[in-house]
Amino acid sequence: MNKKPHFKATLTYLATEDGGIVTPVSSGFRSVIRFPYDNQDFIANQTFTETEFVFPGDTVGADIILPDAKEALEKIYTGLGFDLLINSNIIGSGVITHIYS
């Protein structure tokens, strides 16, 4: 059973030398999202819409699923920015471009 994405976002991954990912990641990658309105972290499943692999420093479009984040989904809006993290380290950022209803 495939879950429907919650929103579409433009994601920008930091270059490795700036603290970003070291190796490419593939569609289906999971990281943490932190929205600016609180300090809570949410697991985010990312399905890249334009490519199968993302390399350090890339900017890509992605469909995002936030399992177990019902309260957060009530607060998001188009244009909202967020951080991408792994192990509490920021590896990139994103901006919501479309919310699926």
N, C-alpha and C. Protein backbone atom coordinates (compact mmCIF):
# COMPACT_ATOMS: atom_id res chain seq x y z
N MET A 1 0.84 -1.19 0.00
CA MET A 1 0.00 0.00 0.00
C MET A 1 0.88 1.25 0.00
N ASN A 2 0.71 2.11 -0.97
CA ASN A 2 1.46 3.36 -1.04
C ASN A 2 0.69 4.46 -0.34
N LYS A 3 1.41 5.23 0.47
CA LYS A 3 0.79 6.38 1.13
C LYS A 3 0.83 7.58 0.20
N LYS A 4 -0.20 8.38 0.26
CA LYS A 4 -0.28 9.59 -0.54
C LYS A 4 0.63 10.66 0.08
N PRO A 5 1.40 11.38 -0.75
CA PRO A 5 2.26 12.44 -0.20
C PRO A 5 1.44 13.54 0.44
N HIS A 6 2.01 14.16 1.46
CA HIS A 6 1.35 15.28 2.13
C HIS A 6 1.61 16.61 1.42
N PHE A 7 2.84 16.77 0.92
CA PHE A 7 3.15 18.01 0.21
C PHE A 7 4.32 17.82 -0.74
N LYS A 8 4.46 18.78 -1.65
CA LYS A 8 5.58 18.84 -2.58
C LYS A 8 6.49 19.97 -2.11
N ALA A 9 7.79 19.77 -2.25
CA ALA A 9 8.75 20.78 -1.80
C ALA A 9 9.94 20.83 -2.74
N THR A 10 10.59 21.97 -2.74
CA THR A 10 11.89 22.11 -3.37
C THR A 10 12.92 21.93 -2.26
N LEU A 11 13.82 20.95 -2.44
CA LEU A 11 14.83 20.64 -1.44
C LEU A 11 16.20 21.04 -1.96
N THR A 12 16.99 21.67 -1.12
CA THR A 12 18.37 22.02 -1.45
C THR A 12 19.28 21.36 -0.43
N TYR A 13 20.09 20.42 -0.93
CA TYR A 13 21.03 19.72 -0.06
C TYR A 13 22.34 20.48 -0.01
N LEU A 14 22.91 20.61 1.18
CA LEU A 14 24.20 21.27 1.33
C LEU A 14 25.29 20.44 0.67
N ALA A 15 26.33 21.11 0.21
CA ALA A 15 27.51 20.42 -0.29
C ALA A 15 28.20 19.72 0.88
N THR A 16 28.94 18.68 0.61
CA THR A 16 29.61 17.92 1.65
C THR A 16 30.48 18.82 2.53
N GLU A 17 31.24 19.72 1.91
CA GLU A 17 32.14 20.59 2.68
C GLU A 17 31.39 21.59 3.56
N ASP A 18 30.09 21.75 3.31
CA ASP A 18 29.26 22.64 4.14
C ASP A 18 28.45 21.87 5.17
N GLY A 19 28.73 20.58 5.32
CA GLY A 19 28.04 19.77 6.32
C GLY A 19 26.93 18.90 5.75
N GLY A 20 26.81 18.88 4.43
CA GLY A 20 25.75 18.10 3.79
C GLY A 20 26.08 16.63 3.67
N ILE A 21 25.27 15.95 2.88
CA ILE A 21 25.46 14.52 2.67
C ILE A 21 26.81 14.26 2.00
N VAL A 22 27.35 13.06 2.25
CA VAL A 22 28.66 12.71 1.70
C VAL A 22 28.50 11.91 0.41
N THR A 23 27.50 11.06 0.37
CA THR A 23 27.25 10.23 -0.80
C THR A 23 25.86 10.55 -1.36
N PRO A 24 25.60 10.21 -2.60
CA PRO A 24 24.27 10.44 -3.16
C PRO A 24 23.20 9.65 -2.40
N VAL A 25 21.99 10.17 -2.40
CA VAL A 25 20.85 9.46 -1.81
C VAL A 25 19.83 9.22 -2.91
N SER A 26 19.05 8.17 -2.74
CA SER A 26 18.07 7.82 -3.78
C SER A 26 16.66 8.17 -3.33
N SER A 27 15.77 8.19 -4.30
CA SER A 27 14.36 8.43 -4.02
C SER A 27 13.91 7.42 -2.98
N GLY A 28 13.14 7.87 -2.01
CA GLY A 28 12.75 7.03 -0.88
C GLY A 28 13.57 7.34 0.36
N PHE A 29 14.52 8.27 0.22
CA PHE A 29 15.39 8.69 1.32
C PHE A 29 14.57 9.22 2.49
N ARG A 30 14.99 8.88 3.70
CA ARG A 30 14.34 9.37 4.91
C ARG A 30 15.29 10.25 5.69
N SER A 31 14.81 11.41 6.07
CA SER A 31 15.57 12.29 6.94
C SER A 31 14.59 12.87 7.95
N VAL A 32 15.04 13.86 8.67
CA VAL A 32 14.19 14.55 9.63
C VAL A 32 13.91 15.94 9.08
N ILE A 33 12.68 16.42 9.29
CA ILE A 33 12.30 17.79 8.95
C ILE A 33 12.02 18.53 10.25
N ARG A 34 12.51 19.77 10.30
CA ARG A 34 12.20 20.65 11.43
C ARG A 34 11.62 21.94 10.88
N PHE A 35 10.36 22.21 11.23
CA PHE A 35 9.70 23.44 10.81
C PHE A 35 10.08 24.57 11.76
N PRO A 36 10.01 25.83 11.31
CA PRO A 36 10.47 26.95 12.13
C PRO A 36 9.53 27.32 13.29
N TYR A 37 8.31 26.80 13.30
CA TYR A 37 7.37 27.22 14.33
C TYR A 37 7.49 26.43 15.63
N ASP A 38 8.28 25.39 15.66
CA ASP A 38 8.58 24.70 16.91
C ASP A 38 9.88 23.94 16.76
N ASN A 39 10.33 23.32 17.82
CA ASN A 39 11.61 22.63 17.79
C ASN A 39 11.42 21.12 17.71
N GLN A 40 10.29 20.70 17.15
CA GLN A 40 9.97 19.29 17.05
C GLN A 40 10.45 18.74 15.71
N ASP A 41 10.97 17.51 15.75
CA ASP A 41 11.46 16.86 14.54
C ASP A 41 10.46 15.83 14.05
N PHE A 42 10.37 15.69 12.71
CA PHE A 42 9.45 14.74 12.09
C PHE A 42 10.21 13.94 11.04
N ILE A 43 9.99 12.62 11.04
CA ILE A 43 10.56 11.77 9.99
C ILE A 43 9.88 12.14 8.67
N ALA A 44 10.67 12.27 7.62
CA ALA A 44 10.14 12.63 6.30
C ALA A 44 10.62 11.64 5.26
N ASN A 45 9.68 11.02 4.59
CA ASN A 45 9.98 10.16 3.44
C ASN A 45 9.96 11.03 2.20
N GLN A 46 11.06 11.02 1.45
CA GLN A 46 11.21 11.88 0.28
C GLN A 46 11.22 11.05 -1.00
N THR A 47 10.32 11.38 -1.91
CA THR A 47 10.30 10.76 -3.23
C THR A 47 10.67 11.85 -4.23
N PHE A 48 11.83 11.73 -4.83
CA PHE A 48 12.30 12.74 -5.76
C PHE A 48 11.50 12.66 -7.05
N THR A 49 11.01 13.80 -7.52
CA THR A 49 10.10 13.81 -8.66
C THR A 49 10.80 14.00 -10.00
N GLU A 50 12.05 14.46 -10.00
CA GLU A 50 12.73 14.76 -11.25
C GLU A 50 13.92 13.85 -11.53
N THR A 51 14.35 13.10 -10.52
CA THR A 51 15.55 12.27 -10.65
C THR A 51 15.48 11.13 -9.65
N GLU A 52 16.27 10.12 -9.85
CA GLU A 52 16.31 9.01 -8.90
C GLU A 52 17.35 9.24 -7.80
N PHE A 53 18.43 9.98 -8.13
CA PHE A 53 19.51 10.21 -7.18
C PHE A 53 19.74 11.69 -6.97
N VAL A 54 20.10 12.04 -5.73
CA VAL A 54 20.45 13.41 -5.38
C VAL A 54 21.88 13.40 -4.85
N PHE A 55 22.67 14.34 -5.33
CA PHE A 55 24.07 14.43 -4.94
C PHE A 55 24.27 15.64 -4.02
N PRO A 56 25.34 15.64 -3.24
CA PRO A 56 25.62 16.80 -2.38
C PRO A 56 25.60 18.09 -3.21
N GLY A 57 24.89 19.10 -2.70
CA GLY A 57 24.79 20.39 -3.37
C GLY A 57 23.63 20.52 -4.34
N ASP A 58 22.89 19.43 -4.59
CA ASP A 58 21.76 19.46 -5.54
C ASP A 58 20.53 20.15 -4.97
N THR A 59 19.72 20.68 -5.88
CA THR A 59 18.38 21.19 -5.56
C THR A 59 17.41 20.38 -6.41
N VAL A 60 16.38 19.82 -5.76
CA VAL A 60 15.43 18.94 -6.45
C VAL A 60 14.02 19.15 -5.92
N GLY A 61 13.06 18.69 -6.71
CA GLY A 61 11.68 18.63 -6.27
C GLY A 61 11.42 17.27 -5.64
N ALA A 62 10.56 17.25 -4.63
CA ALA A 62 10.26 15.98 -3.96
C ALA A 62 8.84 16.00 -3.40
N ASP A 63 8.22 14.82 -3.41
CA ASP A 63 6.97 14.62 -2.68
C ASP A 63 7.35 14.12 -1.29
N ILE A 64 6.71 14.67 -0.28
CA ILE A 64 7.07 14.38 1.10
C ILE A 64 5.89 13.75 1.84
N ILE A 65 6.19 12.69 2.55
CA ILE A 65 5.23 12.06 3.46
C ILE A 65 5.78 12.21 4.87
N LEU A 66 4.95 12.71 5.78
CA LEU A 66 5.32 12.82 7.19
C LEU A 66 4.46 11.84 7.99
N PRO A 67 4.93 10.62 8.20
CA PRO A 67 4.15 9.69 9.02
C PRO A 67 4.06 10.23 10.45
N ASP A 68 2.92 10.05 11.06
CA ASP A 68 2.74 10.42 12.48
C ASP A 68 2.97 11.90 12.75
N ALA A 69 2.54 12.78 11.88
CA ALA A 69 2.75 14.22 12.08
C ALA A 69 1.46 15.00 11.86
N LYS A 70 0.34 14.46 12.32
CA LYS A 70 -0.96 15.08 12.06
C LYS A 70 -1.03 16.53 12.53
N GLU A 71 -0.54 16.82 13.72
CA GLU A 71 -0.59 18.19 14.24
C GLU A 71 0.26 19.14 13.40
N ALA A 72 1.42 18.68 12.96
CA ALA A 72 2.30 19.52 12.14
C ALA A 72 1.63 19.83 10.80
N LEU A 73 0.95 18.84 10.24
CA LEU A 73 0.31 19.03 8.94
C LEU A 73 -0.80 20.07 8.98
N GLU A 74 -1.36 20.31 10.14
CA GLU A 74 -2.40 21.33 10.27
C GLU A 74 -1.82 22.74 10.26
N LYS A 75 -0.50 22.87 10.44
CA LYS A 75 0.15 24.18 10.54
C LYS A 75 0.94 24.58 9.30
N ILE A 76 1.11 23.65 8.36
CA ILE A 76 1.96 23.96 7.21
C ILE A 76 1.21 24.76 6.15
N TYR A 77 1.95 25.43 5.30
CA TYR A 77 1.37 26.22 4.22
C TYR A 77 2.40 26.35 3.09
N THR A 78 1.92 26.66 1.90
CA THR A 78 2.78 26.87 0.75
C THR A 78 3.71 28.05 1.04
N GLY A 79 4.99 27.86 0.78
CA GLY A 79 5.99 28.89 1.04
C GLY A 79 6.73 28.71 2.35
N LEU A 80 6.26 27.79 3.20
CA LEU A 80 6.92 27.55 4.48
C LEU A 80 8.27 26.86 4.26
N GLY A 81 9.29 27.39 4.86
CA GLY A 81 10.62 26.79 4.79
C GLY A 81 10.85 25.85 5.96
N PHE A 82 11.81 24.95 5.79
CA PHE A 82 12.14 23.99 6.84
C PHE A 82 13.57 23.51 6.66
N ASP A 83 14.12 22.91 7.72
CA ASP A 83 15.45 22.33 7.67
C ASP A 83 15.36 20.84 7.47
N LEU A 84 16.34 20.26 6.79
CA LEU A 84 16.51 18.81 6.66
C LEU A 84 17.67 18.42 7.56
N LEU A 85 17.48 17.37 8.36
CA LEU A 85 18.52 16.97 9.30
C LEU A 85 18.76 15.47 9.27
N ILE A 86 19.97 15.09 9.64
CA ILE A 86 20.32 13.70 9.94
C ILE A 86 21.15 13.76 11.21
N ASN A 87 20.75 12.98 12.21
CA ASN A 87 21.47 12.95 13.49
C ASN A 87 21.69 14.35 14.06
N SER A 88 20.67 15.18 14.02
CA SER A 88 20.69 16.56 14.54
C SER A 88 21.59 17.51 13.76
N ASN A 89 22.15 17.07 12.64
CA ASN A 89 22.97 17.93 11.79
C ASN A 89 22.16 18.38 10.58
N ILE A 90 22.15 19.68 10.32
CA ILE A 90 21.43 20.20 9.17
C ILE A 90 22.18 19.81 7.90
N ILE A 91 21.47 19.12 6.99
CA ILE A 91 22.07 18.68 5.72
C ILE A 91 21.47 19.43 4.54
N GLY A 92 20.47 20.28 4.79
CA GLY A 92 19.83 21.01 3.71
C GLY A 92 18.61 21.75 4.20
N SER A 93 17.87 22.28 3.24
CA SER A 93 16.65 23.02 3.56
C SER A 93 15.61 22.76 2.48
N GLY A 94 14.41 23.17 2.77
CA GLY A 94 13.33 22.99 1.81
C GLY A 94 12.29 24.07 1.93
N VAL A 95 11.47 24.17 0.89
CA VAL A 95 10.33 25.11 0.88
C VAL A 95 9.14 24.35 0.31
N ILE A 96 8.01 24.43 1.00
CA ILE A 96 6.80 23.77 0.53
C ILE A 96 6.27 24.52 -0.70
N THR A 97 6.05 23.80 -1.79
CA THR A 97 5.56 24.42 -3.01
C THR A 97 4.12 24.06 -3.33
N HIS A 98 3.62 22.98 -2.74
CA HIS A 98 2.23 22.57 -2.97
C HIS A 98 1.80 21.63 -1.85
N ILE A 99 0.58 21.82 -1.37
CA ILE A 99 0.03 20.93 -0.35
C ILE A 99 -1.06 20.10 -1.01
N TYR A 100 -0.91 18.77 -0.90
CA TYR A 100 -1.91 17.88 -1.46
C TYR A 100 -3.09 17.79 -0.49
N SER A 101 -4.31 17.85 -1.04
CA SER A 101 -5.48 17.77 -0.17
C SER A 101 -6.00 16.38 -0.02
